[in-house]
Protein backbone atom coordinates (compact mmCIF):
# COMPACT_ATOMS: atom_id res chain seq x y z
CA MET A 1 23.74 4.11 -101.52
CA THR A 2 27.04 2.26 -101.72
CA GLY A 3 25.50 -0.84 -100.13
CA PHE A 4 22.76 -0.90 -102.76
CA LEU A 5 25.32 -0.55 -105.54
CA VAL A 6 27.40 -3.43 -104.17
CA PHE A 7 24.25 -5.55 -103.85
CA ALA A 8 23.23 -4.79 -107.44
CA VAL A 9 26.69 -5.66 -108.80
CA VAL A 10 26.84 -8.93 -106.86
CA LEU A 11 23.32 -9.87 -107.96
CA ALA A 12 24.16 -9.09 -111.59
CA ALA A 13 27.33 -11.19 -111.36
CA LEU A 14 25.42 -14.15 -109.89
CA LEU A 15 22.73 -13.96 -112.57
CA TRP A 16 25.38 -13.80 -115.27
CA ALA A 17 27.17 -16.83 -113.77
CA PHE A 18 23.92 -18.83 -113.64
CA ALA A 19 23.15 -17.92 -117.25
CA ARG A 20 26.62 -19.01 -118.39
CA PHE A 21 26.25 -22.26 -116.42
CA GLY A 22 22.89 -22.89 -118.10
CA VAL A 23 24.41 -22.42 -121.55
CA TRP A 24 27.25 -24.78 -120.66
CA VAL A 25 24.84 -27.45 -119.33
CA ARG A 26 22.69 -27.27 -122.46
CA ARG A 27 25.71 -27.45 -124.74
CA LYS A 28 27.07 -30.51 -122.91
CA GLY A 29 23.64 -32.13 -122.66
CA ILE A 30 24.01 -33.02 -119.00
CA GLY A 31 20.95 -31.25 -117.63
CA GLY A 32 18.55 -34.16 -118.05
CA GLY A 33 20.05 -36.15 -115.20
CA LEU A 34 19.86 -33.26 -112.79
CA MET A 35 16.40 -32.02 -113.69
CA GLY A 36 14.86 -35.37 -114.63
CA PRO A 37 12.98 -36.07 -111.37
CA ILE A 38 11.70 -32.50 -111.12
CA ASP A 39 10.67 -32.47 -114.77
CA GLU A 40 8.95 -35.83 -114.34
CA ALA A 41 6.89 -34.50 -111.42
CA TRP A 42 5.78 -31.33 -113.23
CA HIS A 43 5.58 -32.67 -116.79
CA PRO A 44 5.08 -36.47 -116.83
CA SER A 45 4.98 -36.81 -120.62
CA ALA A 46 8.48 -35.31 -120.82
CA ASP A 47 9.92 -38.51 -119.33
CA ARG A 48 8.35 -40.58 -122.11
CA PHE A 49 9.71 -38.18 -124.74
CA ARG A 50 13.18 -38.27 -123.16
CA ARG A 51 13.17 -42.10 -123.23
CA GLU A 52 12.05 -42.16 -126.87
CA THR A 53 14.79 -39.69 -127.76
CA ALA A 54 17.42 -41.82 -126.01
CA ILE A 55 16.23 -44.95 -127.85
CA HIS A 56 16.30 -43.10 -131.17
CA GLU A 57 19.83 -41.82 -130.52
CA GLN A 58 20.98 -45.38 -129.81
CA ARG A 59 19.43 -46.67 -133.04
CA VAL A 60 20.92 -44.02 -135.32
CA LEU A 61 24.19 -45.21 -136.78
CA PRO A 62 27.06 -42.81 -137.39
CA PRO A 63 28.03 -42.30 -141.04
CA ARG A 64 30.67 -44.67 -142.34
CA PRO A 65 33.96 -43.31 -143.60
CA GLY A 66 33.65 -42.75 -147.33
CA ASP A 67 29.84 -42.53 -147.25
CA ASP A 68 29.07 -39.26 -149.03
CA SER A 69 25.27 -39.52 -148.82
CA PHE A 70 25.19 -37.22 -145.76
CA THR A 71 27.09 -34.34 -147.33
CA GLY A 72 24.10 -33.21 -149.35
């Protein structure tokens, strides 16, 4: 019984660590480079969407200091 309890606690800790790592990767936005080839194999149109998003992000200019049109 003790062995099962230790196994369950270790498994729960690993799952929690993976979940926290996933949240961190999404927040930082670094998951695309790691999962890109796998995502491209399983979902080919995702690569096109990712490229369009990158181009759009490059085209969008940051607001200028003193430009109040973005404050609503």
